[in-house]
Amino acid sequence: MERRGIRKMKVGTVVSDRMDKTVVVRVERLVPHPVYKKYVKRRTTYKAHDEKNEYKIGDRVEIVETRPMSKDKHWRVHRLIDRSVVRT
């Protein structure tokens, strides 16, 4: 039996929950500047599948790579890490 590869996982913050069954997650990472070697913050946003519409803005979540679900959506929310204190 053929073994599948390990799926990528990322941790980020939900920045939008306005779509049905989809949340937008911002993932921040630190990369060294090529000349000055100071670490610079870079952000990327991913659309992730949220089947039950349970995650809200500010929640810290772990997302996992999955099959394409739409044109932009290739990730799904794997688990909640930290619930947002302020609810909107």
PDB file of N, CA and C in Angstrom:
ATOM      1  N   MET A   1       0.844  -1.198   0.000  1.00  0.00           N
ATOM      2  CA  MET A   1       0.000   0.000   0.000  1.00  0.00           C
ATOM      3  C   MET A   1       0.879   1.247   0.000  1.00  0.00           C
ATOM      4  N   GLU A   2       0.490   2.208  -0.806  1.00  0.00           N
ATOM      5  CA  GLU A   2       1.268   3.431  -0.930  1.00  0.00           C
ATOM      6  C   GLU A   2       0.952   4.374   0.221  1.00  0.00           C
ATOM      7  N   ARG A   3       1.988   4.982   0.798  1.00  0.00           N
ATOM      8  CA  ARG A   3       1.792   5.885   1.928  1.00  0.00           C
ATOM      9  C   ARG A   3       1.754   7.326   1.439  1.00  0.00           C
ATOM     10  N   ARG A   4       0.783   8.092   1.926  1.00  0.00           N
ATOM     11  CA  ARG A   4       0.674   9.501   1.547  1.00  0.00           C
ATOM     12  C   ARG A   4       1.700  10.340   2.284  1.00  0.00           C
ATOM     13  N   GLY A   5       1.969  11.525   1.745  1.00  0.00           N
ATOM     14  CA  GLY A   5       2.889  12.446   2.401  1.00  0.00           C
ATOM     15  C   GLY A   5       2.255  13.091   3.620  1.00  0.00           C
ATOM     16  N   ILE A   6       3.078  13.678   4.443  1.00  0.00           N
ATOM     17  CA  ILE A   6       2.601  14.384   5.626  1.00  0.00           C
ATOM     18  C   ILE A   6       2.008  15.718   5.184  1.00  0.00           C
ATOM     19  N   ARG A   7       0.844  16.046   5.701  1.00  0.00           N
ATOM     20  CA  ARG A   7       0.188  17.301   5.320  1.00  0.00           C
ATOM     21  C   ARG A   7       0.776  18.480   6.079  1.00  0.00           C
ATOM     22  N   LYS A   8       0.846  19.621   5.403  1.00  0.00           N
ATOM     23  CA  LYS A   8       1.369  20.824   6.036  1.00  0.00           C
ATOM     24  C   LYS A   8       0.361  21.343   7.054  1.00  0.00           C
ATOM     25  N   MET A   9       0.868  21.876   8.159  1.00  0.00           N
ATOM     26  CA  MET A   9       0.016  22.467   9.187  1.00  0.00           C
ATOM     27  C   MET A   9       0.566  23.842   9.515  1.00  0.00           C
ATOM     28  N   LYS A  10      -0.349  24.779   9.750  1.00  0.00           N
ATOM     29  CA  LYS A  10       0.049  26.134  10.107  1.00  0.00           C
ATOM     30  C   LYS A  10      -0.855  26.630  11.231  1.00  0.00           C
ATOM     31  N   VAL A  11      -0.344  27.561  12.028  1.00  0.00           N
ATOM     32  CA  VAL A  11      -1.108  28.155  13.118  1.00  0.00           C
ATOM     33  C   VAL A  11      -1.313  29.627  12.796  1.00  0.00           C
ATOM     34  N   GLY A  12      -2.562  30.099  12.935  1.00  0.00           N
ATOM     35  CA  GLY A  12      -2.854  31.494  12.623  1.00  0.00           C
ATOM     36  C   GLY A  12      -4.080  31.992  13.352  1.00  0.00           C
ATOM     37  N   THR A  13      -4.452  33.222  13.034  1.00  0.00           N
ATOM     38  CA  THR A  13      -5.576  33.888  13.673  1.00  0.00           C
ATOM     39  C   THR A  13      -6.678  34.132  12.650  1.00  0.00           C
ATOM     40  N   VAL A  14      -7.917  33.871  13.054  1.00  0.00           N
ATOM     41  CA  VAL A  14      -9.057  34.105  12.160  1.00  0.00           C
ATOM     42  C   VAL A  14      -9.258  35.610  12.040  1.00  0.00           C
ATOM     43  N   VAL A  15      -9.256  36.133  10.801  1.00  0.00           N
ATOM     44  CA  VAL A  15      -9.451  37.560  10.580  1.00  0.00           C
ATOM     45  C   VAL A  15     -10.794  37.866   9.930  1.00  0.00           C
ATOM     46  N   SER A  16     -11.478  36.842   9.389  1.00  0.00           N
ATOM     47  CA  SER A  16     -12.798  37.053   8.806  1.00  0.00           C
ATOM     48  C   SER A  16     -13.590  35.760   8.892  1.00  0.00           C
ATOM     49  N   ASP A  17     -14.882  35.895   9.244  1.00  0.00           N
ATOM     50  CA  ASP A  17     -15.766  34.728   9.303  1.00  0.00           C
ATOM     51  C   ASP A  17     -17.087  35.015   8.589  1.00  0.00           C
ATOM     52  N   ARG A  18     -17.080  35.930   7.638  1.00  0.00           N
ATOM     53  CA  ARG A  18     -18.313  36.373   6.976  1.00  0.00           C
ATOM     54  C   ARG A  18     -18.847  35.392   5.937  1.00  0.00           C
ATOM     55  N   MET A  19     -17.975  34.537   5.406  1.00  0.00           N
ATOM     56  CA  MET A  19     -18.429  33.587   4.385  1.00  0.00           C
ATOM     57  C   MET A  19     -19.043  32.356   5.042  1.00  0.00           C
ATOM     58  N   ASP A  20     -19.890  31.658   4.294  1.00  0.00           N
ATOM     59  CA  ASP A  20     -20.516  30.447   4.802  1.00  0.00           C
ATOM     60  C   ASP A  20     -19.528  29.287   4.712  1.00  0.00           C
ATOM     61  N   LYS A  21     -19.277  28.640   5.841  1.00  0.00           N
ATOM     62  CA  LYS A  21     -18.379  27.481   5.946  1.00  0.00           C
ATOM     63  C   LYS A  21     -16.934  27.793   5.581  1.00  0.00           C
ATOM     64  N   THR A  22     -16.545  29.046   5.642  1.00  0.00           N
ATOM     65  CA  THR A  22     -15.172  29.447   5.324  1.00  0.00           C
ATOM     66  C   THR A  22     -14.716  30.520   6.292  1.00  0.00           C
ATOM     67  N   VAL A  23     -13.465  30.422   6.729  1.00  0.00           N
ATOM     68  CA  VAL A  23     -12.847  31.482   7.524  1.00  0.00           C
ATOM     69  C   VAL A  23     -11.539  31.879   6.839  1.00  0.00           C
ATOM     70  N   VAL A  24     -11.143  33.127   7.033  1.00  0.00           N
ATOM     71  CA  VAL A  24      -9.864  33.600   6.516  1.00  0.00           C
ATOM     72  C   VAL A  24      -8.901  33.631   7.699  1.00  0.00           C
ATOM     73  N   VAL A  25      -7.772  32.951   7.545  1.00  0.00           N
ATOM     74  CA  VAL A  25      -6.796  32.812   8.629  1.00  0.00           C
ATOM     75  C   VAL A  25      -5.505  33.510   8.223  1.00  0.00           C
ATOM     76  N   ARG A  26      -5.009  34.387   9.097  1.00  0.00           N
ATOM     77  CA  ARG A  26      -3.734  35.074   8.848  1.00  0.00           C
ATOM     78  C   ARG A  26      -2.628  34.334   9.599  1.00  0.00           C
ATOM     79  N   VAL A  27      -1.605  33.933   8.850  1.00  0.00           N
ATOM     80  CA  VAL A  27      -0.460  33.240   9.428  1.00  0.00           C
ATOM     81  C   VAL A  27       0.735  34.164   9.353  1.00  0.00           C
ATOM     82  N   GLU A  28       1.393  34.395  10.501  1.00  0.00           N
ATOM     83  CA  GLU A  28       2.566  35.267  10.540  1.00  0.00           C
ATOM     84  C   GLU A  28       3.819  34.421  10.722  1.00  0.00           C
ATOM     85  N   ARG A  29       4.895  34.830  10.043  1.00  0.00           N
ATOM     86  CA  ARG A  29       6.161  34.138  10.172  1.00  0.00           C
ATOM     87  C   ARG A  29       7.280  35.164  10.182  1.00  0.00           C
ATOM     88  N   LEU A  30       8.397  34.799  10.779  1.00  0.00           N
ATOM     89  CA  LEU A  30       9.565  35.676  10.832  1.00  0.00           C
ATOM     90  C   LEU A  30      10.598  35.172   9.838  1.00  0.00           C
ATOM     91  N   VAL A  31      11.071  36.084   8.971  1.00  0.00           N
ATOM     92  CA  VAL A  31      12.104  35.731   7.992  1.00  0.00           C
ATOM     93  C   VAL A  31      13.265  36.710   8.137  1.00  0.00           C
ATOM     94  N   PRO A  32      14.494  36.245   8.009  1.00  0.00           N
ATOM     95  CA  PRO A  32      15.632  37.162   8.121  1.00  0.00           C
ATOM     96  C   PRO A  32      15.770  38.023   6.863  1.00  0.00           C
ATOM     97  N   HIS A  33      16.047  39.296   7.067  1.00  0.00           N
ATOM     98  CA  HIS A  33      16.288  40.191   5.942  1.00  0.00           C
ATOM     99  C   HIS A  33      17.577  39.748   5.245  1.00  0.00           C
ATOM    100  N   PRO A  34      17.573  39.689   3.909  1.00  0.00           N
ATOM    101  CA  PRO A  34      18.752  39.148   3.216  1.00  0.00           C
ATOM    102  C   PRO A  34      20.044  39.936   3.416  1.00  0.00           C
ATOM    103  N   VAL A  35      19.946  41.243   3.620  1.00  0.00           N
ATOM    104  CA  VAL A  35      21.157  42.057   3.779  1.00  0.00           C
ATOM    105  C   VAL A  35      21.448  42.337   5.245  1.00  0.00           C
ATOM    106  N   TYR A  36      20.417  42.787   5.997  1.00  0.00           N
ATOM    107  CA  TYR A  36      20.638  43.266   7.355  1.00  0.00           C
ATOM    108  C   TYR A  36      20.478  42.196   8.430  1.00  0.00           C
ATOM    109  N   LYS A  37      19.982  41.039   8.067  1.00  0.00           N
ATOM    110  CA  LYS A  37      19.839  39.893   8.968  1.00  0.00           C
ATOM    111  C   LYS A  37      18.885  40.130  10.140  1.00  0.00           C
ATOM    112  N   LYS A  38      18.175  41.234  10.123  1.00  0.00           N
ATOM    113  CA  LYS A  38      17.153  41.468  11.143  1.00  0.00           C
ATOM    114  C   LYS A  38      15.911  40.672  10.739  1.00  0.00           C
ATOM    115  N   TYR A  39      15.201  40.132  11.721  1.00  0.00           N
ATOM    116  CA  TYR A  39      14.003  39.362  11.406  1.00  0.00           C
ATOM    117  C   TYR A  39      12.824  40.280  11.123  1.00  0.00           C
ATOM    118  N   VAL A  40      12.135  40.007  10.013  1.00  0.00           N
ATOM    119  CA  VAL A  40      11.011  40.820   9.557  1.00  0.00           C
ATOM    120  C   VAL A  40       9.764  39.942   9.581  1.00  0.00           C
ATOM    121  N   LYS A  41       8.645  40.515  10.013  1.00  0.00           N
ATOM    122  CA  LYS A  41       7.396  39.775  10.074  1.00  0.00           C
ATOM    123  C   LYS A  41       6.723  39.750   8.699  1.00  0.00           C
ATOM    124  N   ARG A  42       6.345  38.572   8.249  1.00  0.00           N
ATOM    125  CA  ARG A  42       5.617  38.410   6.989  1.00  0.00           C
ATOM    126  C   ARG A  42       4.280  37.754   7.290  1.00  0.00           C
ATOM    127  N   ARG A  43       3.243  38.199   6.580  1.00  0.00           N
ATOM    128  CA  ARG A  43       1.907  37.650   6.795  1.00  0.00           C
ATOM    129  C   ARG A  43       1.372  37.053   5.513  1.00  0.00           C
ATOM    130  N   THR A  44       0.629  35.959   5.656  1.00  0.00           N
ATOM    131  CA  THR A  44      -0.061  35.342   4.537  1.00  0.00           C
ATOM    132  C   THR A  44      -1.461  34.994   5.002  1.00  0.00           C
ATOM    133  N   THR A  45      -2.447  35.158   4.127  1.00  0.00           N
ATOM    134  CA  THR A  45      -3.805  34.779   4.490  1.00  0.00           C
ATOM    135  C   THR A  45      -4.222  33.546   3.704  1.00  0.00           C
ATOM    136  N   TYR A  46      -4.933  32.666   4.373  1.00  0.00           N
ATOM    137  CA  TYR A  46      -5.436  31.441   3.767  1.00  0.00           C
ATOM    138  C   TYR A  46      -6.929  31.345   4.018  1.00  0.00           C
ATOM    139  N   LYS A  47      -7.672  30.849   3.029  1.00  0.00           N
ATOM    140  CA  LYS A  47      -9.083  30.547   3.238  1.00  0.00           C
ATOM    141  C   LYS A  47      -9.159  29.096   3.672  1.00  0.00           C
ATOM    142  N   ALA A  48      -9.835  28.855   4.794  1.00  0.00           N
ATOM    143  CA  ALA A  48      -9.906  27.512   5.355  1.00  0.00           C
ATOM    144  C   ALA A  48     -11.358  27.093   5.545  1.00  0.00           C
ATOM    145  N   HIS A  49     -11.618  25.820   5.362  1.00  0.00           N
ATOM    146  CA  HIS A  49     -12.963  25.267   5.476  1.00  0.00           C
ATOM    147  C   HIS A  49     -13.341  25.116   6.947  1.00  0.00           C
ATOM    148  N   ASP A  50     -14.526  25.616   7.294  1.00  0.00           N
ATOM    149  CA  ASP A  50     -15.068  25.541   8.655  1.00  0.00           C
ATOM    150  C   ASP A  50     -16.488  25.001   8.538  1.00  0.00           C
ATOM    151  N   GLU A  51     -16.649  23.695   8.613  1.00  0.00           N
ATOM    152  CA  GLU A  51     -17.913  23.018   8.311  1.00  0.00           C
ATOM    153  C   GLU A  51     -19.091  23.531   9.146  1.00  0.00           C
ATOM    154  N   LYS A  52     -18.862  23.787  10.455  1.00  0.00           N
ATOM    155  CA  LYS A  52     -19.974  24.147  11.348  1.00  0.00           C
ATOM    156  C   LYS A  52     -20.066  25.642  11.634  1.00  0.00           C
ATOM    157  N   ASN A  53     -19.273  26.454  10.966  1.00  0.00           N
ATOM    158  CA  ASN A  53     -19.255  27.906  11.215  1.00  0.00           C
ATOM    159  C   ASN A  53     -19.044  28.220  12.696  1.00  0.00           C
ATOM    160  N   GLU A  54     -18.119  27.507  13.336  1.00  0.00           N
ATOM    161  CA  GLU A  54     -17.936  27.660  14.776  1.00  0.00           C
ATOM    162  C   GLU A  54     -16.801  28.593  15.176  1.00  0.00           C
ATOM    163  N   TYR A  55     -15.915  28.967  14.252  1.00  0.00           N
ATOM    164  CA  TYR A  55     -14.776  29.810  14.593  1.00  0.00           C
ATOM    165  C   TYR A  55     -15.081  31.263  14.286  1.00  0.00           C
ATOM    166  N   LYS A  56     -14.677  32.146  15.201  1.00  0.00           N
ATOM    167  CA  LYS A  56     -14.983  33.570  15.093  1.00  0.00           C
ATOM    168  C   LYS A  56     -13.697  34.385  14.999  1.00  0.00           C
ATOM    169  N   ILE A  57     -13.846  35.660  14.670  1.00  0.00           N
ATOM    170  CA  ILE A  57     -12.700  36.561  14.527  1.00  0.00           C
ATOM    171  C   ILE A  57     -11.900  36.596  15.834  1.00  0.00           C
ATOM    172  N   GLY A  58     -10.589  36.474  15.712  1.00  0.00           N
ATOM    173  CA  GLY A  58      -9.707  36.525  16.872  1.00  0.00           C
ATOM    174  C   GLY A  58      -9.309  35.158  17.402  1.00  0.00           C
ATOM    175  N   ASP A  59     -10.018  34.101  17.009  1.00  0.00           N
ATOM    176  CA  ASP A  59      -9.672  32.762  17.477  1.00  0.00           C
ATOM    177  C   ASP A  59      -8.340  32.325  16.869  1.00  0.00           C
ATOM    178  N   ARG A  60      -7.530  31.662  17.682  1.00  0.00           N
ATOM    179  CA  ARG A  60      -6.256  31.117  17.192  1.00  0.00           C
ATOM    180  C   ARG A  60      -6.515  29.660  16.822  1.00  0.00           C
ATOM    181  N   VAL A  61      -6.236  29.311  15.570  1.00  0.00           N
ATOM    182  CA  VAL A  61      -6.569  27.972  15.077  1.00  0.00           C
ATOM    183  C   VAL A  61      -5.377  27.340  14.359  1.00  0.00           C
ATOM    184  N   GLU A  62      -5.440  26.026  14.233  1.00  0.00           N
ATOM    185  CA  GLU A  62      -4.466  25.288  13.444  1.00  0.00           C
ATOM    186  C   GLU A  62      -5.166  24.832  12.170  1.00  0.00           C
ATOM    187  N   ILE A  63      -4.541  25.109  11.013  1.00  0.00           N
ATOM    188  CA  ILE A  63      -5.134  24.694   9.750  1.00  0.00           C
ATOM    189  C   ILE A  63      -4.250  23.632   9.118  1.00  0.00           C
ATOM    190  N   VAL A  64      -4.868  22.752   8.341  1.00  0.00           N
ATOM    191  CA  VAL A  64      -4.144  21.658   7.715  1.00  0.00           C
ATOM    192  C   VAL A  64      -4.455  21.662   6.219  1.00  0.00           C
ATOM    193  N   GLU A  65      -3.443  21.336   5.423  1.00  0.00           N
ATOM    194  CA  GLU A  65      -3.594  21.300   3.976  1.00  0.00           C
ATOM    195  C   GLU A  65      -4.526  20.156   3.587  1.00  0.00           C
ATOM    196  N   THR A  66      -5.364  20.383   2.588  1.00  0.00           N
ATOM    197  CA  THR A  66      -6.310  19.371   2.148  1.00  0.00           C
ATOM    198  C   THR A  66      -6.531  19.490   0.645  1.00  0.00           C
ATOM    199  N   ARG A  67      -7.392  18.661   0.110  1.00  0.00           N
ATOM    200  CA  ARG A  67      -7.676  18.719  -1.326  1.00  0.00           C
ATOM    201  C   ARG A  67      -8.338  20.064  -1.657  1.00  0.00           C
ATOM    202  N   PRO A  68      -8.263  20.527  -2.903  1.00  0.00           N
ATOM    203  CA  PRO A  68      -8.922  21.779  -3.257  1.00  0.00           C
ATOM    204  C   PRO A  68     -10.438  21.662  -3.100  1.00  0.00           C
ATOM    205  N   MET A  69     -11.024  22.607  -2.368  1.00  0.00           N
ATOM    206  CA  MET A  69     -12.470  22.616  -2.168  1.00  0.00           C
ATOM    207  C   MET A  69     -13.138  23.663  -3.042  1.00  0.00           C
ATOM    208  N   SER A  70     -12.371  24.631  -3.488  1.00  0.00           N
ATOM    209  CA  SER A  70     -12.865  25.655  -4.404  1.00  0.00           C
ATOM    210  C   SER A  70     -11.637  26.290  -5.051  1.00  0.00           C
ATOM    211  N   LYS A  71     -11.852  27.381  -5.758  1.00  0.00           N
ATOM    212  CA  LYS A  71     -10.747  28.053  -6.443  1.00  0.00           C
ATOM    213  C   LYS A  71      -9.658  28.493  -5.462  1.00  0.00           C
ATOM    214  N   ASP A  72     -10.044  29.027  -4.302  1.00  0.00           N
ATOM    215  CA  ASP A  72      -9.084  29.572  -3.338  1.00  0.00           C
ATOM    216  C   ASP A  72      -8.887  28.712  -2.098  1.00  0.00           C
ATOM    217  N   LYS A  73      -9.763  27.774  -1.847  1.00  0.00           N
ATOM    218  CA  LYS A  73      -9.785  27.076  -0.556  1.00  0.00           C
ATOM    219  C   LYS A  73      -9.111  25.713  -0.650  1.00  0.00           C
ATOM    220  N   HIS A  74      -7.890  25.609  -0.046  1.00  0.00           N
ATOM    221  CA  HIS A  74      -7.129  24.359  -0.046  1.00  0.00           C
ATOM    222  C   HIS A  74      -6.723  23.966   1.374  1.00  0.00           C
ATOM    223  N   TRP A  75      -7.332  24.572   2.370  1.00  0.00           N
ATOM    224  CA  TRP A  75      -7.009  24.309   3.773  1.00  0.00           C
ATOM    225  C   TRP A  75      -8.308  24.066   4.536  1.00  0.00           C
ATOM    226  N   ARG A  76      -8.209  23.368   5.673  1.00  0.00           N
ATOM    227  CA  ARG A  76      -9.362  23.244   6.557  1.00  0.00           C
ATOM    228  C   ARG A  76      -8.886  23.446   7.982  1.00  0.00           C
ATOM    229  N   VAL A  77      -9.803  23.920   8.828  1.00  0.00           N
ATOM    230  CA  VAL A  77      -9.458  24.161  10.223  1.00  0.00           C
ATOM    231  C   VAL A  77      -9.364  22.811  10.918  1.00  0.00           C
ATOM    232  N   HIS A  78      -8.212  22.548  11.530  1.00  0.00           N
ATOM    233  CA  HIS A  78      -7.972  21.263  12.183  1.00  0.00           C
ATOM    234  C   HIS A  78      -8.440  21.284  13.634  1.00  0.00           C
ATOM    235  N   ARG A  79      -8.058  22.352  14.359  1.00  0.00           N
ATOM    236  CA  ARG A  79      -8.473  22.443  15.766  1.00  0.00           C
ATOM    237  C   ARG A  79      -8.343  23.875  16.264  1.00  0.00           C
ATOM    238  N   LEU A  80      -9.037  24.125  17.355  1.00  0.00           N
ATOM    239  CA  LEU A  80      -8.970  25.423  18.033  1.00  0.00           C
ATOM    240  C   LEU A  80      -7.829  25.389  19.031  1.00  0.00           C
ATOM    241  N   ILE A  81      -6.981  26.404  19.009  1.00  0.00           N
ATOM    242  CA  ILE A  81      -5.888  26.490  19.964  1.00  0.00           C
ATOM    243  C   ILE A  81      -6.269  27.401  21.123  1.00  0.00           C
ATOM    244  N   ASP A  82      -6.829  28.564  20.787  1.00  0.00           N
ATOM    245  CA  ASP A  82      -7.173  29.542  21.820  1.00  0.00           C
ATOM    246  C   ASP A  82      -8.403  30.333  21.370  1.00  0.00           C
ATOM    247  N   ARG A  83      -9.390  30.425  22.228  1.00  0.00           N
ATOM    248  CA  ARG A  83     -10.622  31.161  21.923  1.00  0.00           C
ATOM    249  C   ARG A  83     -10.380  32.655  22.170  1.00  0.00           C
ATOM    250  N   SER A  84     -10.941  33.495  21.313  1.00  0.00           N
ATOM    251  CA  SER A  84     -10.810  34.928  21.466  1.00  0.00           C
ATOM    252  C   SER A  84     -11.566  35.398  22.714  1.00  0.00           C
ATOM    253  N   VAL A  85     -10.963  36.341  23.438  1.00  0.00           N
ATOM    254  CA  VAL A  85     -11.613  36.866  24.643  1.00  0.00           C
ATOM    255  C   VAL A  85     -12.749  37.802  24.266  1.00  0.00           C
ATOM    256  N   VAL A  86     -12.493  38.669  23.281  1.00  0.00           N
ATOM    257  CA  VAL A  86     -13.494  39.638  22.834  1.00  0.00           C
ATOM    258  C   VAL A  86     -14.332  38.989  21.751  1.00  0.00           C
ATOM    259  N   ARG A  87     -15.635  38.883  21.951  1.00  0.00           N
ATOM    260  CA  ARG A  87     -16.543  38.328  20.959  1.00  0.00           C
ATOM    261  C   ARG A  87     -17.239  39.446  20.229  1.00  0.00           C
ATOM    262  N   THR A  88     -17.273  39.347  18.896  1.00  0.00           N
ATOM    263  CA  THR A  88     -17.946  40.383  18.100  1.00  0.00           C
ATOM    264  C   THR A  88     -19.254  39.892  17.580  1.00  0.00           C
TER     265      THR A  88
END
